[in-house]
Amino acid sequence: MSSKQSFGQRYLSGLFNVGGNVNTGNVNNTVSTDISAQAQGSSTLESLLRTIAELRTELSQLRSTIPPADAEDAEDALADAQAELARTSPDGGMLRRRVAMVADALAEIAPLALLTGRLSADLAEYLASR
């Protein structure tokens, strides 16, 4: 058997480091990354809960300007989302549906548009951090 490599072997070994050692870094990085991810998950949960509380407060203050059925739908969906987040393992699908209900119910209420958008963004960030 010859020690001479074919063109394909030389080409692929240059691209993929075939037969070489791969070192991805210090093992301690994994531990710090996990701790950092847990801390981020905690802060995103707090941010999401804070946005829900703000939206519930604003909703109660503007209740007279919102169609009653929409206000009730939004209040119920926010309460359900808040209760779901209190569980040990919140259901992401349920949270998405509740936030979508809030967005739908309050779509025409300009003073709540920013908070509704922030609620969607906070939920996406929270779900991505889990």
Protein backbone atom coordinates (compact mmCIF):
# COMPACT_ATOMS: atom_id res chain seq x y z
CA MET A 1 0.00 0.00 0.00
CA SER A 2 1.34 3.36 -0.97
CA SER A 3 1.60 6.31 1.44
CA LYS A 4 0.75 8.62 -1.40
CA GLN A 5 -2.70 10.26 -1.01
CA SER A 6 -5.07 10.76 -3.89
CA PHE A 7 -6.19 14.24 -4.90
CA GLY A 8 -9.60 13.61 -3.23
CA GLN A 9 -8.01 12.55 0.04
CA ARG A 10 -5.73 15.61 0.08
CA TYR A 11 -8.62 17.93 -0.82
CA LEU A 12 -11.00 16.51 1.75
CA SER A 13 -8.39 16.37 4.49
CA GLY A 14 -7.74 20.08 3.94
CA LEU A 15 -11.43 20.89 4.21
CA PHE A 16 -12.44 18.61 7.04
CA ASN A 17 -9.19 17.97 8.89
CA VAL A 18 -9.60 14.23 8.27
CA GLY A 19 -7.39 12.29 10.61
CA GLY A 20 -6.44 15.34 12.66
CA ASN A 21 -7.17 16.19 16.26
CA VAL A 22 -10.07 18.47 17.04
CA ASN A 23 -10.04 20.43 20.27
CA THR A 24 -13.09 22.55 20.94
CA GLY A 25 -11.73 24.36 23.93
CA ASN A 26 -11.67 24.21 27.68
CA VAL A 27 -14.22 21.93 29.37
CA ASN A 28 -14.81 24.60 32.02
CA ASN A 29 -16.49 26.78 29.38
CA THR A 30 -19.40 24.33 29.33
CA VAL A 31 -20.11 24.87 33.02
CA SER A 32 -19.98 28.65 32.82
CA THR A 33 -22.16 28.62 29.69
CA ASP A 34 -24.78 26.49 31.46
CA ILE A 35 -24.83 28.81 34.46
CA SER A 36 -25.04 31.84 32.20
CA ALA A 37 -27.95 30.27 30.27
CA GLN A 38 -29.79 29.59 33.54
CA ALA A 39 -29.29 33.17 34.67
CA GLN A 40 -30.49 34.46 31.30
CA GLY A 41 -33.54 32.18 31.47
CA SER A 42 -34.37 33.62 34.88
CA SER A 43 -34.03 37.23 33.68
CA THR A 44 -36.15 36.56 30.58
CA LEU A 45 -38.84 35.01 32.76
CA GLU A 46 -38.79 38.05 35.03
CA SER A 47 -39.00 40.36 32.02
CA LEU A 48 -41.93 38.40 30.60
CA LEU A 49 -43.79 38.47 33.93
CA ARG A 50 -43.09 42.20 34.30
CA THR A 51 -44.50 42.87 30.81
CA ILE A 52 -47.63 40.82 31.61
CA ALA A 53 -48.13 42.82 34.82
CA GLU A 54 -47.66 46.14 32.98
CA LEU A 55 -50.09 45.10 30.26
CA ARG A 56 -52.69 44.02 32.83
CA THR A 57 -52.35 47.37 34.61
CA GLU A 58 -52.65 49.37 31.37
CA LEU A 59 -55.55 47.21 30.25
CA SER A 60 -57.46 47.89 33.46
CA GLN A 61 -56.84 51.64 33.12
CA LEU A 62 -58.04 51.70 29.50
CA ARG A 63 -60.86 49.20 29.98
CA SER A 64 -63.60 51.73 29.19
CA THR A 65 -62.07 52.46 25.77
CA ILE A 66 -61.77 48.79 24.73
CA PRO A 67 -64.65 46.68 23.43
CA PRO A 68 -65.81 44.56 26.41
CA ALA A 69 -65.35 41.18 24.68
CA ASP A 70 -61.80 42.09 23.59
CA ALA A 71 -60.86 43.36 27.04
CA GLU A 72 -62.22 40.20 28.66
CA ASP A 73 -60.40 37.94 26.16
CA ALA A 74 -57.13 39.77 26.77
CA GLU A 75 -57.52 39.71 30.56
CA ASP A 76 -58.30 35.98 30.54
CA ALA A 77 -55.39 35.18 28.22
CA LEU A 78 -52.96 37.23 30.33
CA ALA A 79 -54.15 35.52 33.53
CA ASP A 80 -53.78 32.10 31.87
CA ALA A 81 -50.26 32.95 30.66
CA GLN A 82 -49.23 34.20 34.08
CA ALA A 83 -50.58 31.03 35.72
CA GLU A 84 -48.80 28.85 33.15
CA LEU A 85 -45.49 30.61 33.84
CA ALA A 86 -45.88 29.78 37.54
CA ARG A 87 -45.82 26.05 36.73
CA THR A 88 -42.62 24.03 37.05
CA SER A 89 -42.52 23.32 33.33
CA PRO A 90 -44.62 25.84 31.38
CA ASP A 91 -46.12 24.71 28.09
CA GLY A 92 -44.60 26.85 25.33
CA GLY A 93 -47.44 26.13 22.91
CA MET A 94 -50.05 27.26 25.41
CA LEU A 95 -48.07 30.43 26.12
CA ARG A 96 -47.80 31.21 22.40
CA ARG A 97 -51.56 30.76 21.95
CA ARG A 98 -52.37 33.04 24.91
CA VAL A 99 -50.02 35.77 23.69
CA ALA A 100 -51.54 35.47 20.20
CA MET A 101 -55.00 35.89 21.77
CA VAL A 102 -53.83 39.04 23.56
CA ALA A 103 -52.32 40.44 20.37
CA ASP A 104 -55.51 39.69 18.45
CA ALA A 105 -57.82 41.15 21.09
CA LEU A 106 -55.78 44.35 21.48
CA ALA A 107 -54.64 44.84 17.87
CA GLU A 108 -56.78 47.96 17.41
CA ILE A 109 -55.86 49.61 20.74
CA ALA A 110 -53.01 52.00 19.88
CA PRO A 111 -51.93 52.80 23.48
CA LEU A 112 -51.33 49.08 24.09
CA ALA A 113 -49.54 48.30 20.83
CA LEU A 114 -46.03 48.77 22.24
CA LEU A 115 -46.70 46.59 25.27
CA THR A 116 -48.37 43.93 23.14
CA GLY A 117 -45.33 43.86 20.85
CA ARG A 118 -43.00 43.68 23.84
CA LEU A 119 -45.05 40.78 25.23
CA SER A 120 -44.53 38.82 22.01
CA ALA A 121 -40.81 39.62 21.96
CA ASP A 122 -40.35 38.73 25.64
CA LEU A 123 -42.13 35.41 25.12
CA ALA A 124 -39.93 34.56 22.12
CA GLU A 125 -36.81 35.39 24.12
CA TYR A 126 -38.03 33.36 27.11
CA LEU A 127 -38.83 30.31 24.97
CA ALA A 128 -35.47 30.53 23.21
CA SER A 129 -33.62 30.60 26.54
CA ARG A 130 -35.21 27.42 27.90
